[in-house]
Protein backbone atom coordinates (compact mmCIF):
# COMPACT_ATOMS: atom_id res chain seq x y z
CA MET A 1 86.81 -55.38 -31.07
CA ARG A 2 90.38 -54.15 -31.32
CA GLU A 3 91.82 -51.31 -29.28
CA ARG A 4 92.41 -49.31 -32.45
CA LYS A 5 88.67 -49.34 -33.23
CA VAL A 6 87.87 -47.99 -29.76
CA GLU A 7 90.54 -45.31 -30.21
CA ASP A 8 89.23 -44.28 -33.63
CA TYR A 9 85.70 -44.12 -32.27
CA LEU A 10 86.82 -41.91 -29.36
CA ARG A 11 88.55 -39.54 -31.77
CA GLN A 12 85.46 -39.31 -33.97
CA GLN A 13 83.10 -38.70 -31.05
CA VAL A 14 85.31 -36.06 -29.43
CA MET A 15 85.64 -34.21 -32.72
CA ARG A 16 81.86 -34.47 -33.27
CA ALA A 17 81.38 -32.84 -29.85
CA GLY A 18 83.71 -30.00 -30.85
CA GLY A 19 86.84 -31.10 -29.02
CA LEU A 20 90.34 -32.16 -29.95
CA CYS A 21 91.65 -35.70 -29.51
CA GLU A 22 95.39 -35.90 -29.96
CA LYS A 23 97.76 -38.83 -29.75
CA HIS A 24 99.79 -38.49 -26.57
CA VAL A 25 103.39 -39.67 -26.70
CA SER A 26 106.33 -39.09 -24.39
CA PRO A 27 109.52 -40.49 -25.93
CA GLY A 28 111.48 -42.56 -23.44
CA THR A 29 108.56 -42.90 -21.03
CA TRP A 30 106.52 -46.09 -20.85
CA GLY A 31 102.89 -46.30 -19.86
CA VAL A 32 101.67 -42.81 -20.78
CA PRO A 33 97.98 -42.53 -21.71
CA ASP A 34 97.05 -42.87 -25.39
CA ARG A 35 95.09 -39.67 -25.98
CA LEU A 36 94.93 -36.07 -24.78
CA VAL A 37 91.39 -34.73 -25.11
CA THR A 38 90.77 -30.97 -25.08
CA TYR A 39 87.17 -29.89 -24.60
CA GLN A 40 85.74 -26.53 -23.54
CA GLY A 41 88.87 -25.29 -21.79
CA LYS A 42 89.73 -28.55 -20.04
CA MET A 43 92.15 -31.36 -20.83
CA PHE A 44 91.69 -35.05 -20.12
CA LEU A 45 94.02 -38.04 -20.41
CA VAL A 46 92.47 -41.18 -21.85
CA GLU A 47 93.83 -44.73 -22.06
CA LEU A 48 92.19 -47.01 -24.61
CA LYS A 49 91.91 -50.78 -24.35
CA SER A 50 90.10 -53.53 -26.17
CA PRO A 51 87.17 -55.04 -24.24
CA THR A 52 89.47 -57.83 -23.03
CA GLY A 53 92.61 -55.70 -22.67
CA THR A 54 94.26 -54.99 -19.35
CA LEU A 55 96.57 -52.25 -18.13
CA THR A 56 100.28 -53.02 -18.06
CA ASN A 57 102.31 -52.49 -14.88
CA HIS A 58 103.87 -49.39 -16.49
CA GLN A 59 100.42 -47.97 -17.20
CA ILE A 60 99.20 -48.69 -13.67
CA ARG A 61 102.23 -46.90 -12.20
CA ASP A 62 101.81 -43.95 -14.57
CA HIS A 63 98.11 -43.58 -13.75
CA GLN A 64 98.82 -43.79 -10.00
CA MET A 65 101.58 -41.17 -10.30
CA ARG A 66 99.17 -38.82 -12.07
CA LEU A 67 96.36 -39.47 -9.59
CA LEU A 68 98.69 -38.49 -6.73
CA ARG A 69 99.06 -35.16 -8.54
CA GLY A 70 95.33 -34.70 -8.96
CA VAL A 71 94.98 -35.93 -12.55
CA THR A 72 92.62 -38.76 -13.48
CA VAL A 73 93.35 -41.02 -16.44
CA TYR A 74 90.12 -42.32 -17.93
CA VAL A 75 90.29 -45.92 -19.20
CA LEU A 76 87.82 -46.73 -21.97
CA ASN A 77 87.48 -50.22 -23.47
CA SER A 78 84.42 -50.16 -25.74
CA LYS A 79 82.23 -47.92 -27.87
CA GLU A 80 79.67 -47.99 -25.07
CA ALA A 81 82.28 -46.78 -22.58
CA VAL A 82 83.26 -43.99 -25.01
CA ASP A 83 79.60 -42.98 -25.41
CA ALA A 84 79.10 -42.87 -21.63
CA TRP A 85 82.29 -40.82 -21.16
CA ILE A 86 81.34 -38.37 -23.94
CA SER A 87 77.89 -37.99 -22.37
CA LYS A 88 79.51 -37.07 -19.04
CA LEU A 89 81.92 -34.74 -20.84
CA GLU A 90 79.10 -32.92 -22.61
CA GLY A 91 77.07 -32.81 -19.39
CA LYS A 92 80.10 -31.29 -17.60
CA GLU A 93 80.15 -34.08 -15.04
CA LEU A 94 83.91 -34.63 -15.45
């Protein structure tokens, strides 16, 4: 499965749950997460990968920089991972 399919599936599932799933871009900055999810007053950063995809060094550095500031970047690499994340989101476990 391609990364784009996982990304499309995430967008569909977030919208089904009543949230927003926007493309996240930061011109001139490498490694930023793919999507900004807004759901019930909270925002989440999500990086999408194919099942065999790996994070680049730029992405690893970006995620570590955000974690040091108290922000988690969720990495999802399959429809099953999206379903599990959405379930946690809806159950307010995130």
